[in-house]
Amino acid sequence: MSTETLILFFIGLSLAGFVAGLVWQNTGNAKKKSFKGSTGAKYLTAVSLIAMILLAVLYSILYNF
């Protein structure tokens, strides 16, 4: 695999992690009074978002200039 394909694969993987974190945070919260049990979802969402932004900037620098 080329480097470009790997970077795009990891961007997609981090997007999937970001969406999974959002779904995890919002699943069943209509019945709950607090969001105390969703710290793992917050970490997954934050790490996935940061990784996706960094990989997108790296891809932009390497392949668009």
N, C-alpha and C. Protein backbone atom coordinates (compact mmCIF):
# COMPACT_ATOMS: atom_id res chain seq x y z
N MET A 1 0.84 -1.19 0.00
CA MET A 1 0.00 0.00 0.00
C MET A 1 0.88 1.24 0.00
N SER A 2 0.39 2.25 -0.67
CA SER A 2 1.14 3.50 -0.69
C SER A 2 0.85 4.31 0.58
N THR A 3 1.67 5.30 0.80
CA THR A 3 1.50 6.15 1.98
C THR A 3 0.19 6.92 1.90
N GLU A 4 -0.17 7.36 0.72
CA GLU A 4 -1.41 8.10 0.55
C GLU A 4 -2.62 7.25 0.93
N THR A 5 -2.61 6.00 0.53
CA THR A 5 -3.71 5.09 0.85
C THR A 5 -3.78 4.83 2.35
N LEU A 6 -2.65 4.68 2.99
CA LEU A 6 -2.64 4.45 4.44
C LEU A 6 -3.16 5.66 5.20
N ILE A 7 -2.76 6.85 4.79
CA ILE A 7 -3.24 8.05 5.47
C ILE A 7 -4.75 8.17 5.30
N LEU A 8 -5.25 7.93 4.10
CA LEU A 8 -6.70 7.99 3.87
C LEU A 8 -7.44 6.92 4.66
N PHE A 9 -6.84 5.73 4.78
CA PHE A 9 -7.44 4.67 5.58
C PHE A 9 -7.56 5.09 7.04
N PHE A 10 -6.51 5.68 7.60
CA PHE A 10 -6.55 6.09 9.00
C PHE A 10 -7.47 7.29 9.23
N ILE A 11 -7.62 8.15 8.22
CA ILE A 11 -8.59 9.24 8.32
C ILE A 11 -10.00 8.64 8.41
N GLY A 12 -10.29 7.67 7.58
CA GLY A 12 -11.59 7.00 7.62
C GLY A 12 -11.81 6.26 8.93
N LEU A 13 -10.77 5.62 9.43
CA LEU A 13 -10.87 4.90 10.70
C LEU A 13 -11.13 5.86 11.86
N SER A 14 -10.47 7.00 11.86
CA SER A 14 -10.71 7.97 12.93
C SER A 14 -12.09 8.61 12.80
N LEU A 15 -12.58 8.76 11.56
CA LEU A 15 -13.96 9.24 11.39
C LEU A 15 -14.95 8.24 11.96
N ALA A 16 -14.71 6.96 11.72
CA ALA A 16 -15.58 5.92 12.27
C ALA A 16 -15.52 5.93 13.80
N GLY A 17 -14.35 6.14 14.38
CA GLY A 17 -14.23 6.23 15.83
C GLY A 17 -14.94 7.44 16.40
N PHE A 18 -14.87 8.55 15.67
CA PHE A 18 -15.57 9.77 16.10
C PHE A 18 -17.08 9.55 16.10
N VAL A 19 -17.60 8.97 15.05
CA VAL A 19 -19.04 8.71 14.96
C VAL A 19 -19.46 7.69 16.02
N ALA A 20 -18.64 6.66 16.24
CA ALA A 20 -18.96 5.67 17.27
C ALA A 20 -18.98 6.31 18.65
N GLY A 21 -18.07 7.23 18.92
CA GLY A 21 -18.07 7.94 20.20
C GLY A 21 -19.31 8.78 20.38
N LEU A 22 -19.75 9.45 19.32
CA LEU A 22 -20.97 10.26 19.41
C LEU A 22 -22.20 9.38 19.64
N VAL A 23 -22.26 8.25 18.96
CA VAL A 23 -23.38 7.34 19.16
C VAL A 23 -23.36 6.78 20.57
N TRP A 24 -22.17 6.43 21.04
CA TRP A 24 -22.03 5.88 22.40
C TRP A 24 -22.50 6.90 23.45
N GLN A 25 -22.17 8.17 23.24
CA GLN A 25 -22.58 9.20 24.19
C GLN A 25 -24.09 9.40 24.20
N ASN A 26 -24.73 9.26 23.07
CA ASN A 26 -26.14 9.61 22.97
C ASN A 26 -27.08 8.43 23.04
N THR A 27 -26.59 7.22 23.18
CA THR A 27 -27.45 6.05 23.22
C THR A 27 -28.08 5.91 24.60
N GLY A 28 -29.38 5.96 24.64
CA GLY A 28 -30.10 5.75 25.89
C GLY A 28 -30.07 6.91 26.84
N ASN A 29 -29.62 8.08 26.44
CA ASN A 29 -29.53 9.21 27.36
C ASN A 29 -30.86 9.90 27.60
N ALA A 30 -31.88 9.54 26.84
CA ALA A 30 -33.19 10.14 27.07
C ALA A 30 -33.76 9.70 28.42
N LYS A 31 -33.37 8.50 28.88
CA LYS A 31 -33.88 7.97 30.15
C LYS A 31 -33.00 8.35 31.33
N LYS A 32 -31.77 8.75 31.08
CA LYS A 32 -30.83 9.04 32.17
C LYS A 32 -30.98 10.49 32.62
N LYS A 33 -30.61 10.71 33.86
CA LYS A 33 -30.63 12.06 34.41
C LYS A 33 -29.26 12.73 34.30
N SER A 34 -28.18 11.94 34.17
CA SER A 34 -26.83 12.51 34.10
C SER A 34 -26.02 11.75 33.07
N PHE A 35 -24.87 12.32 32.73
CA PHE A 35 -23.97 11.74 31.73
C PHE A 35 -22.67 11.26 32.37
N LYS A 36 -22.73 10.79 33.61
CA LYS A 36 -21.51 10.44 34.34
C LYS A 36 -20.79 9.22 33.76
N GLY A 37 -21.49 8.29 33.17
CA GLY A 37 -20.88 7.05 32.71
C GLY A 37 -20.28 7.11 31.32
N SER A 38 -20.23 8.27 30.71
CA SER A 38 -19.79 8.35 29.33
C SER A 38 -18.40 8.95 29.18
N THR A 39 -17.51 8.73 30.15
CA THR A 39 -16.16 9.30 30.02
C THR A 39 -15.36 8.59 28.94
N GLY A 40 -15.56 7.29 28.78
CA GLY A 40 -14.88 6.55 27.72
C GLY A 40 -15.30 7.04 26.35
N ALA A 41 -16.56 7.37 26.20
CA ALA A 41 -17.06 7.89 24.93
C ALA A 41 -16.47 9.26 24.63
N LYS A 42 -16.31 10.07 25.67
CA LYS A 42 -15.71 11.40 25.48
C LYS A 42 -14.26 11.28 25.05
N TYR A 43 -13.51 10.36 25.66
CA TYR A 43 -12.12 10.16 25.27
C TYR A 43 -12.02 9.63 23.84
N LEU A 44 -12.88 8.68 23.48
CA LEU A 44 -12.86 8.14 22.12
C LEU A 44 -13.17 9.23 21.10
N THR A 45 -14.16 10.04 21.38
CA THR A 45 -14.54 11.12 20.48
C THR A 45 -13.41 12.14 20.34
N ALA A 46 -12.81 12.53 21.45
CA ALA A 46 -11.75 13.54 21.42
C ALA A 46 -10.51 13.03 20.70
N VAL A 47 -10.08 11.82 21.02
CA VAL A 47 -8.87 11.27 20.40
C VAL A 47 -9.09 11.06 18.90
N SER A 48 -10.26 10.58 18.54
CA SER A 48 -10.55 10.37 17.12
C SER A 48 -10.58 11.69 16.35
N LEU A 49 -11.16 12.71 16.95
CA LEU A 49 -11.23 14.00 16.29
C LEU A 49 -9.84 14.61 16.12
N ILE A 50 -9.02 14.54 17.15
CA ILE A 50 -7.66 15.08 17.06
C ILE A 50 -6.85 14.32 16.02
N ALA A 51 -6.95 13.00 16.01
CA ALA A 51 -6.22 12.20 15.03
C ALA A 51 -6.69 12.51 13.62
N MET A 52 -8.00 12.68 13.44
CA MET A 52 -8.53 12.96 12.11
C MET A 52 -8.04 14.32 11.62
N ILE A 53 -8.02 15.33 12.47
CA ILE A 53 -7.55 16.65 12.07
C ILE A 53 -6.07 16.62 11.73
N LEU A 54 -5.27 15.96 12.57
CA LEU A 54 -3.82 15.89 12.29
C LEU A 54 -3.52 15.13 11.00
N LEU A 55 -4.22 14.04 10.77
CA LEU A 55 -4.00 13.28 9.54
C LEU A 55 -4.47 14.05 8.31
N ALA A 56 -5.56 14.79 8.44
CA ALA A 56 -6.04 15.60 7.31
C ALA A 56 -5.07 16.71 6.98
N VAL A 57 -4.49 17.34 7.99
CA VAL A 57 -3.48 18.38 7.76
C VAL A 57 -2.23 17.77 7.13
N LEU A 58 -1.80 16.61 7.61
CA LEU A 58 -0.65 15.93 7.05
C LEU A 58 -0.90 15.56 5.59
N TYR A 59 -2.06 15.04 5.30
CA TYR A 59 -2.42 14.68 3.92
C TYR A 59 -2.43 15.92 3.04
N SER A 60 -2.98 17.00 3.55
CA SER A 60 -3.04 18.24 2.79
C SER A 60 -1.65 18.78 2.48
N ILE A 61 -0.76 18.71 3.45
CA ILE A 61 0.60 19.20 3.24
C ILE A 61 1.37 18.31 2.25
N LEU A 62 1.23 17.01 2.39
CA LEU A 62 2.01 16.10 1.56
C LEU A 62 1.51 16.00 0.12
N TYR A 63 0.20 16.04 -0.08
CA TYR A 63 -0.34 15.70 -1.39
C TYR A 63 -1.06 16.83 -2.11
N ASN A 64 -1.21 17.98 -1.50
CA ASN A 64 -1.91 19.07 -2.18
C ASN A 64 -1.01 20.25 -2.52
N PHE A 65 0.20 20.28 -2.02
CA PHE A 65 1.09 21.39 -2.35
C PHE A 65 2.12 20.99 -3.35
